[in-house]
PDB file of all heavy atoms in Angstrom:
ATOM      1  N   ALA A   1       0.833  -1.203   0.000  1.00  0.00           N
ATOM      2  CA  ALA A   1       0.000   0.000   0.000  1.00  0.00           C
ATOM      3  C   ALA A   1       0.871   1.258   0.000  1.00  0.00           C
ATOM      4  O   ALA A   1       1.794   1.371   0.815  1.00  0.00           O
ATOM      5  CB  ALA A   1      -0.919  -0.005   1.219  1.00  0.00           C
ATOM      6  N   PHE A   2       0.554   2.182  -0.885  1.00  0.00           N
ATOM      7  CA  PHE A   2       1.366   3.387  -1.025  1.00  0.00           C
ATOM      8  C   PHE A   2       0.616   4.632  -0.559  1.00  0.00           C
ATOM      9  O   PHE A   2      -0.613   4.638  -0.422  1.00  0.00           O
ATOM     10  CB  PHE A   2       1.806   3.552  -2.476  1.00  0.00           C
ATOM     11  CG  PHE A   2       2.825   2.540  -2.902  1.00  0.00           C
ATOM     12  CD1 PHE A   2       2.433   1.328  -3.464  1.00  0.00           C
ATOM     13  CD2 PHE A   2       4.184   2.783  -2.725  1.00  0.00           C
ATOM     14  CE1 PHE A   2       3.373   0.379  -3.845  1.00  0.00           C
ATOM     15  CE2 PHE A   2       5.126   1.842  -3.098  1.00  0.00           C
ATOM     16  CZ  PHE A   2       4.729   0.632  -3.665  1.00  0.00           C
ATOM     17  N   GLU A   3       1.386   5.668  -0.334  1.00  0.00           N
ATOM     18  CA  GLU A   3       0.859   6.955   0.077  1.00  0.00           C
ATOM     19  C   GLU A   3      -0.076   7.538  -0.994  1.00  0.00           C
ATOM     20  O   GLU A   3       0.027   7.180  -2.170  1.00  0.00           O
ATOM     21  CB  GLU A   3       2.003   7.934   0.334  1.00  0.00           C
ATOM     22  CG  GLU A   3       2.708   7.731   1.668  1.00  0.00           C
ATOM     23  CD  GLU A   3       1.886   8.276   2.821  1.00  0.00           C
ATOM     24  OE1 GLU A   3       0.981   7.547   3.278  1.00  0.00           O
ATOM     25  OE2 GLU A   3       2.120   9.416   3.263  1.00  0.00           O
ATOM     26  N   PRO A   4      -0.972   8.432  -0.594  1.00  0.00           N
ATOM     27  CA  PRO A   4      -1.904   9.024  -1.571  1.00  0.00           C
ATOM     28  C   PRO A   4      -1.177   9.718  -2.716  1.00  0.00           C
ATOM     29  O   PRO A   4      -0.162  10.390  -2.507  1.00  0.00           O
ATOM     30  CB  PRO A   4      -2.685  10.038  -0.721  1.00  0.00           C
ATOM     31  CG  PRO A   4      -2.579   9.534   0.677  1.00  0.00           C
ATOM     32  CD  PRO A   4      -1.227   8.904   0.774  1.00  0.00           C
ATOM     33  N   TYR A   5      -1.691   9.504  -3.909  1.00  0.00           N
ATOM     34  CA  TYR A   5      -1.218  10.166  -5.125  1.00  0.00           C
ATOM     35  C   TYR A   5       0.268   9.892  -5.396  1.00  0.00           C
ATOM     36  O   TYR A   5       0.982  10.757  -5.928  1.00  0.00           O
ATOM     37  CB  TYR A   5      -1.479  11.674  -5.049  1.00  0.00           C
ATOM     38  CG  TYR A   5      -2.882  12.009  -4.596  1.00  0.00           C
ATOM     39  CD1 TYR A   5      -3.127  12.512  -3.322  1.00  0.00           C
ATOM     40  CD2 TYR A   5      -3.979  11.775  -5.436  1.00  0.00           C
ATOM     41  CE1 TYR A   5      -4.416  12.796  -2.886  1.00  0.00           C
ATOM     42  CE2 TYR A   5      -5.276  12.053  -5.015  1.00  0.00           C
ATOM     43  CZ  TYR A   5      -5.483  12.562  -3.738  1.00  0.00           C
ATOM     44  OH  TYR A   5      -6.764  12.835  -3.317  1.00  0.00           O
ATOM     45  N   SER A   6       0.718   8.710  -5.066  1.00  0.00           N
ATOM     46  CA  SER A   6       2.126   8.361  -5.268  1.00  0.00           C
ATOM     47  C   SER A   6       2.499   8.247  -6.740  1.00  0.00           C
ATOM     48  O   SER A   6       3.642   8.537  -7.112  1.00  0.00           O
ATOM     49  CB  SER A   6       2.445   7.038  -4.562  1.00  0.00           C
ATOM     50  OG  SER A   6       2.315   7.151  -3.171  1.00  0.00           O
ATOM     51  N   TYR A   7       1.548   7.832  -7.552  1.00  0.00           N
ATOM     52  CA  TYR A   7       1.873   7.569  -8.956  1.00  0.00           C
ATOM     53  C   TYR A   7       1.164   8.508  -9.923  1.00  0.00           C
ATOM     54  O   TYR A   7       1.748   8.926 -10.918  1.00  0.00           O
ATOM     55  CB  TYR A   7       1.545   6.107  -9.300  1.00  0.00           C
ATOM     56  CG  TYR A   7       2.447   5.135  -8.587  1.00  0.00           C
ATOM     57  CD1 TYR A   7       2.045   4.491  -7.425  1.00  0.00           C
ATOM     58  CD2 TYR A   7       3.727   4.877  -9.059  1.00  0.00           C
ATOM     59  CE1 TYR A   7       2.882   3.622  -6.761  1.00  0.00           C
ATOM     60  CE2 TYR A   7       4.574   4.002  -8.405  1.00  0.00           C
ATOM     61  CZ  TYR A   7       4.149   3.376  -7.250  1.00  0.00           C
ATOM     62  OH  TYR A   7       4.991   2.512  -6.590  1.00  0.00           O
ATOM     63  N   LEU A   8      -0.083   8.814  -9.631  1.00  0.00           N
ATOM     64  CA  LEU A   8      -0.842   9.707 -10.504  1.00  0.00           C
ATOM     65  C   LEU A   8      -1.496  10.797  -9.656  1.00  0.00           C
ATOM     66  O   LEU A   8      -1.979  10.515  -8.557  1.00  0.00           O
ATOM     67  CB  LEU A   8      -1.917   8.929 -11.271  1.00  0.00           C
ATOM     68  CG  LEU A   8      -1.417   7.880 -12.276  1.00  0.00           C
ATOM     69  CD1 LEU A   8      -2.588   7.079 -12.812  1.00  0.00           C
ATOM     70  CD2 LEU A   8      -0.651   8.540 -13.419  1.00  0.00           C
ATOM     71  N   PRO A   9      -1.525  12.030 -10.141  1.00  0.00           N
ATOM     72  CA  PRO A   9      -2.079  13.133  -9.342  1.00  0.00           C
ATOM     73  C   PRO A   9      -3.566  12.990  -9.033  1.00  0.00           C
ATOM     74  O   PRO A   9      -4.065  13.608  -8.101  1.00  0.00           O
ATOM     75  CB  PRO A   9      -1.803  14.361 -10.209  1.00  0.00           C
ATOM     76  CG  PRO A   9      -1.632  13.838 -11.592  1.00  0.00           C
ATOM     77  CD  PRO A   9      -1.005  12.495 -11.443  1.00  0.00           C
ATOM     78  N   ASP A  10      -4.276  12.170  -9.809  1.00  0.00           N
ATOM     79  CA  ASP A  10      -5.716  12.009  -9.586  1.00  0.00           C
ATOM     80  C   ASP A  10      -6.061  10.638  -9.012  1.00  0.00           C
ATOM     81  O   ASP A  10      -7.223  10.258  -8.946  1.00  0.00           O
ATOM     82  CB  ASP A  10      -6.479  12.226 -10.895  1.00  0.00           C
ATOM     83  CG  ASP A  10      -6.070  11.229 -11.972  1.00  0.00           C
ATOM     84  OD1 ASP A  10      -4.985  10.622 -11.838  1.00  0.00           O
ATOM     85  OD2 ASP A  10      -6.832  11.076 -12.954  1.00  0.00           O
ATOM     86  N   LYS A  11      -5.043   9.888  -8.583  1.00  0.00           N
ATOM     87  CA  LYS A  11      -5.269   8.530  -8.073  1.00  0.00           C
ATOM     88  C   LYS A  11      -4.794   8.460  -6.622  1.00  0.00           C
ATOM     89  O   LYS A  11      -3.592   8.347  -6.353  1.00  0.00           O
ATOM     90  CB  LYS A  11      -4.530   7.500  -8.933  1.00  0.00           C
ATOM     91  CG  LYS A  11      -4.915   6.058  -8.635  1.00  0.00           C
ATOM     92  CD  LYS A  11      -4.237   5.123  -9.614  1.00  0.00           C
ATOM     93  CE  LYS A  11      -4.602   3.667  -9.360  1.00  0.00           C
ATOM     94  NZ  LYS A  11      -6.033   3.404  -9.538  1.00  0.00           N
ATOM     95  N   LYS A  12      -5.751   8.515  -5.706  1.00  0.00           N
ATOM     96  CA  LYS A  12      -5.410   8.538  -4.282  1.00  0.00           C
ATOM     97  C   LYS A  12      -4.889   7.200  -3.798  1.00  0.00           C
ATOM     98  O   LYS A  12      -3.991   7.138  -2.949  1.00  0.00           O
ATOM     99  CB  LYS A  12      -6.642   8.946  -3.469  1.00  0.00           C
ATOM    100  CG  LYS A  12      -6.394   9.024  -1.969  1.00  0.00           C
ATOM    101  CD  LYS A  12      -7.656   9.464  -1.228  1.00  0.00           C
ATOM    102  CE  LYS A  12      -7.412   9.534   0.280  1.00  0.00           C
ATOM    103  NZ  LYS A  12      -8.632   9.945   1.011  1.00  0.00           N
ATOM    104  N   TYR A  13      -5.443   6.115  -4.303  1.00  0.00           N
ATOM    105  CA  TYR A  13      -5.107   4.790  -3.791  1.00  0.00           C
ATOM    106  C   TYR A  13      -4.287   3.992  -4.801  1.00  0.00           C
ATOM    107  O   TYR A  13      -4.618   3.956  -5.990  1.00  0.00           O
ATOM    108  CB  TYR A  13      -6.380   4.007  -3.467  1.00  0.00           C
ATOM    109  CG  TYR A  13      -7.295   4.716  -2.498  1.00  0.00           C
ATOM    110  CD1 TYR A  13      -8.429   5.392  -2.968  1.00  0.00           C
ATOM    111  CD2 TYR A  13      -7.037   4.733  -1.136  1.00  0.00           C
ATOM    112  CE1 TYR A  13      -9.273   6.049  -2.089  1.00  0.00           C
ATOM    113  CE2 TYR A  13      -7.875   5.384  -0.252  1.00  0.00           C
ATOM    114  CZ  TYR A  13      -8.991   6.048  -0.735  1.00  0.00           C
ATOM    115  OH  TYR A  13      -9.817   6.697   0.131  1.00  0.00           O
ATOM    116  N   PHE A  14      -3.232   3.367  -4.308  1.00  0.00           N
ATOM    117  CA  PHE A  14      -2.501   2.397  -5.108  1.00  0.00           C
ATOM    118  C   PHE A  14      -2.008   1.309  -4.169  1.00  0.00           C
ATOM    119  O   PHE A  14      -1.072   1.492  -3.402  1.00  0.00           O
ATOM    120  CB  PHE A  14      -1.326   3.023  -5.851  1.00  0.00           C
ATOM    121  CG  PHE A  14      -0.625   2.052  -6.764  1.00  0.00           C
ATOM    122  CD1 PHE A  14      -1.254   1.595  -7.912  1.00  0.00           C
ATOM    123  CD2 PHE A  14       0.644   1.582  -6.463  1.00  0.00           C
ATOM    124  CE1 PHE A  14      -0.626   0.688  -8.761  1.00  0.00           C
ATOM    125  CE2 PHE A  14       1.280   0.673  -7.299  1.00  0.00           C
ATOM    126  CZ  PHE A  14       0.643   0.233  -8.455  1.00  0.00           C
ATOM    127  N   CYS A  15      -2.686   0.166  -4.207  1.00  0.00           N
ATOM    128  CA  CYS A  15      -2.386  -0.920  -3.278  1.00  0.00           C
ATOM    129  C   CYS A  15      -2.536  -2.268  -3.987  1.00  0.00           C
ATOM    130  O   CYS A  15      -3.573  -2.932  -3.870  1.00  0.00           O
ATOM    131  CB  CYS A  15      -3.309  -0.849  -2.063  1.00  0.00           C
ATOM    132  SG  CYS A  15      -2.984  -2.111  -0.806  1.00  0.00           S
ATOM    133  N   PRO A  16      -1.527  -2.684  -4.743  1.00  0.00           N
ATOM    134  CA  PRO A  16      -1.555  -4.008  -5.382  1.00  0.00           C
ATOM    135  C   PRO A  16      -1.608  -5.108  -4.333  1.00  0.00           C
ATOM    136  O   PRO A  16      -0.962  -5.009  -3.276  1.00  0.00           O
ATOM    137  CB  PRO A  16      -0.244  -4.052  -6.164  1.00  0.00           C
ATOM    138  CG  PRO A  16       0.212  -2.634  -6.253  1.00  0.00           C
ATOM    139  CD  PRO A  16      -0.287  -1.957  -5.031  1.00  0.00           C
ATOM    140  N   ALA A  17      -2.379  -6.152  -4.625  1.00  0.00           N
ATOM    141  CA  ALA A  17      -2.561  -7.232  -3.650  1.00  0.00           C
ATOM    142  C   ALA A  17      -2.640  -8.579  -4.348  1.00  0.00           C
ATOM    143  O   ALA A  17      -3.068  -8.680  -5.503  1.00  0.00           O
ATOM    144  CB  ALA A  17      -3.823  -6.996  -2.825  1.00  0.00           C
ATOM    145  N   ALA A  18      -2.219  -9.609  -3.623  1.00  0.00           N
ATOM    146  CA  ALA A  18      -2.334 -10.987  -4.105  1.00  0.00           C
ATOM    147  C   ALA A  18      -2.693 -11.864  -2.922  1.00  0.00           C
ATOM    148  O   ALA A  18      -2.234 -11.626  -1.796  1.00  0.00           O
ATOM    149  CB  ALA A  18      -1.032 -11.455  -4.735  1.00  0.00           C
ATOM    150  N   GLY A  19      -3.532 -12.864  -3.172  1.00  0.00           N
ATOM    151  CA  GLY A  19      -3.911 -13.746  -2.077  1.00  0.00           C
ATOM    152  C   GLY A  19      -4.807 -14.872  -2.535  1.00  0.00           C
ATOM    153  O   GLY A  19      -5.325 -14.857  -3.659  1.00  0.00           O
ATOM    154  N   TYR A  20      -4.981 -15.845  -1.645  1.00  0.00           N
ATOM    155  CA  TYR A  20      -5.838 -16.992  -1.932  1.00  0.00           C
ATOM    156  C   TYR A  20      -7.262 -16.703  -1.481  1.00  0.00           C
ATOM    157  O   TYR A  20      -7.486 -16.213  -0.372  1.00  0.00           O
ATOM    158  CB  TYR A  20      -5.314 -18.236  -1.215  1.00  0.00           C
ATOM    159  CG  TYR A  20      -3.961 -18.693  -1.714  1.00  0.00           C
ATOM    160  CD1 TYR A  20      -2.806 -18.416  -0.987  1.00  0.00           C
ATOM    161  CD2 TYR A  20      -3.840 -19.387  -2.912  1.00  0.00           C
ATOM    162  CE1 TYR A  20      -1.565 -18.823  -1.444  1.00  0.00           C
ATOM    163  CE2 TYR A  20      -2.603 -19.792  -3.379  1.00  0.00           C
ATOM    164  CZ  TYR A  20      -1.467 -19.514  -2.640  1.00  0.00           C
ATOM    165  OH  TYR A  20      -0.236 -19.903  -3.095  1.00  0.00           O
ATOM    166  N   ASP A  21      -8.217 -17.018  -2.355  1.00  0.00           N
ATOM    167  CA  ASP A  21      -9.606 -16.893  -1.938  1.00  0.00           C
ATOM    168  C   ASP A  21      -9.993 -18.141  -1.142  1.00  0.00           C
ATOM    169  O   ASP A  21      -9.166 -19.025  -0.899  1.00  0.00           O
ATOM    170  CB  ASP A  21     -10.540 -16.657  -3.127  1.00  0.00           C
ATOM    171  CG  ASP A  21     -10.516 -17.807  -4.139  1.00  0.00           C
ATOM    172  OD1 ASP A  21     -10.092 -18.925  -3.776  1.00  0.00           O
ATOM    173  OD2 ASP A  21     -10.927 -17.599  -5.298  1.00  0.00           O
ATOM    174  N   THR A  22     -11.245 -18.213  -0.708  1.00  0.00           N
ATOM    175  CA  THR A  22     -11.670 -19.322   0.152  1.00  0.00           C
ATOM    176  C   THR A  22     -11.658 -20.671  -0.560  1.00  0.00           C
ATOM    177  O   THR A  22     -11.672 -21.717   0.096  1.00  0.00           O
ATOM    178  CB  THR A  22     -13.077 -19.058   0.705  1.00  0.00           C
ATOM    179  OG1 THR A  22     -13.966 -18.761  -0.385  1.00  0.00           O
ATOM    180  CG2 THR A  22     -13.059 -17.876   1.662  1.00  0.00           C
ATOM    181  N   SER A  23     -11.601 -20.665  -1.887  1.00  0.00           N
ATOM    182  CA  SER A  23     -11.520 -21.924  -2.639  1.00  0.00           C
ATOM    183  C   SER A  23     -10.077 -22.345  -2.889  1.00  0.00           C
ATOM    184  O   SER A  23      -9.827 -23.396  -3.477  1.00  0.00           O
ATOM    185  CB  SER A  23     -12.254 -21.790  -3.979  1.00  0.00           C
ATOM    186  OG  SER A  23     -11.573 -20.873  -4.833  1.00  0.00           O
ATOM    187  N   GLY A  24      -9.128 -21.520  -2.458  1.00  0.00           N
ATOM    188  CA  GLY A  24      -7.719 -21.848  -2.627  1.00  0.00           C
ATOM    189  C   GLY A  24      -7.112 -21.331  -3.907  1.00  0.00           C
ATOM    190  O   GLY A  24      -5.949 -21.634  -4.202  1.00  0.00           O
ATOM    191  N   GLU A  25      -7.848 -20.531  -4.659  1.00  0.00           N
ATOM    192  CA  GLU A  25      -7.327 -19.982  -5.911  1.00  0.00           C
ATOM    193  C   GLU A  25      -6.604 -18.666  -5.651  1.00  0.00           C
ATOM    194  O   GLU A  25      -7.081 -17.799  -4.917  1.00  0.00           O
ATOM    195  CB  GLU A  25      -8.471 -19.746  -6.906  1.00  0.00           C
ATOM    196  CG  GLU A  25      -7.998 -19.261  -8.265  1.00  0.00           C
ATOM    197  CD  GLU A  25      -9.144 -19.114  -9.252  1.00  0.00           C
ATOM    198  OE1 GLU A  25     -10.259 -19.579  -8.938  1.00  0.00           O
ATOM    199  OE2 GLU A  25      -8.924 -18.538 -10.336  1.00  0.00           O
ATOM    200  N   LEU A  26      -5.426 -18.531  -6.255  1.00  0.00           N
ATOM    201  CA  LEU A  26      -4.648 -17.310  -6.094  1.00  0.00           C
ATOM    202  C   LEU A  26      -5.212 -16.219  -6.996  1.00  0.00           C
ATOM    203  O   LEU A  26      -5.366 -16.400  -8.199  1.00  0.00           O
ATOM    204  CB  LEU A  26      -3.181 -17.557  -6.445  1.00  0.00           C
ATOM    205  CG  LEU A  26      -2.236 -16.361  -6.314  1.00  0.00           C
ATOM    206  CD1 LEU A  26      -2.192 -15.868  -4.869  1.00  0.00           C
ATOM    207  CD2 LEU A  26      -0.843 -16.712  -6.803  1.00  0.00           C
ATOM    208  N   ARG A  27      -5.511 -15.077  -6.395  1.00  0.00           N
ATOM    209  CA  ARG A  27      -6.072 -13.951  -7.140  1.00  0.00           C
ATOM    210  C   ARG A  27      -5.238 -12.696  -6.888  1.00  0.00           C
ATOM    211  O   ARG A  27      -4.579 -12.569  -5.858  1.00  0.00           O
ATOM    212  CB  ARG A  27      -7.526 -13.703  -6.725  1.00  0.00           C
ATOM    213  CG  ARG A  27      -8.462 -14.860  -7.033  1.00  0.00           C
ATOM    214  CD  ARG A  27      -9.901 -14.515  -6.686  1.00  0.00           C
ATOM    215  NE  ARG A  27     -10.813 -15.597  -6.988  1.00  0.00           N
ATOM    216  CZ  ARG A  27     -11.356 -15.803  -8.189  1.00  0.00           C
ATOM    217  NH1 ARG A  27     -11.072 -14.975  -9.194  1.00  0.00           N
ATOM    218  NH2 ARG A  27     -12.188 -16.808  -8.386  1.00  0.00           N
ATOM    219  N   THR A  28      -5.281 -11.793  -7.840  1.00  0.00           N
ATOM    220  CA  THR A  28      -4.602 -10.513  -7.696  1.00  0.00           C
ATOM    221  C   THR A  28      -5.593  -9.382  -7.942  1.00  0.00           C
ATOM    222  O   THR A  28      -6.648  -9.584  -8.552  1.00  0.00           O
ATOM    223  CB  THR A  28      -3.434 -10.386  -8.694  1.00  0.00           C
ATOM    224  OG1 THR A  28      -3.939 -10.500 -10.041  1.00  0.00           O
ATOM    225  CG2 THR A  28      -2.393 -11.463  -8.455  1.00  0.00           C
ATOM    226  N   GLY A  29      -5.250  -8.204  -7.455  1.00  0.00           N
ATOM    227  CA  GLY A  29      -6.133  -7.061  -7.646  1.00  0.00           C
ATOM    228  C   GLY A  29      -5.581  -5.843  -6.922  1.00  0.00           C
ATOM    229  O   GLY A  29      -4.395  -5.791  -6.569  1.00  0.00           O
ATOM    230  N   PHE A  30      -6.456  -4.877  -6.681  1.00  0.00           N
ATOM    231  CA  PHE A  30      -6.039  -3.641  -6.029  1.00  0.00           C
ATOM    232  C   PHE A  30      -7.038  -3.284  -4.929  1.00  0.00           C
ATOM    233  O   PHE A  30      -8.248  -3.417  -5.104  1.00  0.00           O
ATOM    234  CB  PHE A  30      -5.957  -2.503  -7.045  1.00  0.00           C
ATOM    235  CG  PHE A  30      -4.904  -2.714  -8.098  1.00  0.00           C
ATOM    236  CD1 PHE A  30      -5.191  -3.431  -9.255  1.00  0.00           C
ATOM    237  CD2 PHE A  30      -3.623  -2.220  -7.918  1.00  0.00           C
ATOM    238  CE1 PHE A  30      -4.219  -3.651 -10.223  1.00  0.00           C
ATOM    239  CE2 PHE A  30      -2.647  -2.426  -8.880  1.00  0.00           C
ATOM    240  CZ  PHE A  30      -2.938  -3.145 -10.033  1.00  0.00           C
ATOM    241  N   LEU A  31      -6.512  -2.843  -3.798  1.00  0.00           N
ATOM    242  CA  LEU A  31      -7.335  -2.428  -2.669  1.00  0.00           C
ATOM    243  C   LEU A  31      -7.357  -0.903  -2.590  1.00  0.00           C
ATOM    244  O   LEU A  31      -6.463  -0.226  -3.089  1.00  0.00           O
ATOM    245  CB  LEU A  31      -6.787  -2.995  -1.368  1.00  0.00           C
ATOM    246  CG  LEU A  31      -6.642  -4.514  -1.274  1.00  0.00           C
ATOM    247  CD1 LEU A  31      -6.025  -4.901   0.069  1.00  0.00           C
ATOM    248  CD2 LEU A  31      -7.984  -5.206  -1.465  1.00  0.00           C
ATOM    249  N   GLY A  32      -8.389  -0.389  -1.926  1.00  0.00           N
ATOM    250  CA  GLY A  32      -8.480   1.049  -1.722  1.00  0.00           C
ATOM    251  C   GLY A  32      -9.667   1.662  -2.432  1.00  0.00           C
ATOM    252  O   GLY A  32      -9.988   1.288  -3.567  1.00  0.00           O
ATOM    253  N   GLY A  33     -10.337   2.581  -1.761  1.00  0.00           N
ATOM    254  CA  GLY A  33     -11.489   3.272  -2.317  1.00  0.00           C
ATOM    255  C   GLY A  33     -12.249   3.973  -1.217  1.00  0.00           C
ATOM    256  O   GLY A  33     -11.852   3.940  -0.043  1.00  0.00           O
ATOM    257  N   ASP A  34     -13.342   4.594  -1.592  1.00  0.00           N
ATOM    258  CA  ASP A  34     -14.147   5.308  -0.594  1.00  0.00           C
ATOM    259  C   ASP A  34     -14.656   4.388   0.509  1.00  0.00           C
ATOM    260  O   ASP A  34     -14.857   4.822   1.649  1.00  0.00           O
ATOM    261  CB  ASP A  34     -15.331   5.995  -1.281  1.00  0.00           C
ATOM    262  CG  ASP A  34     -14.883   7.122  -2.202  1.00  0.00           C
ATOM    263  OD1 ASP A  34     -13.761   7.625  -2.001  1.00  0.00           O
ATOM    264  OD2 ASP A  34     -15.647   7.484  -3.120  1.00  0.00           O
TER     265      ASP A  34
END
């Protein structure tokens, strides 16, 4: 998870994530929002 507007002036959140869901499948995505 990065500080606000670290990469783009209009993008407050940048938090790449990876993890296993409850079925054991590895998924990736981004966290952060209102």
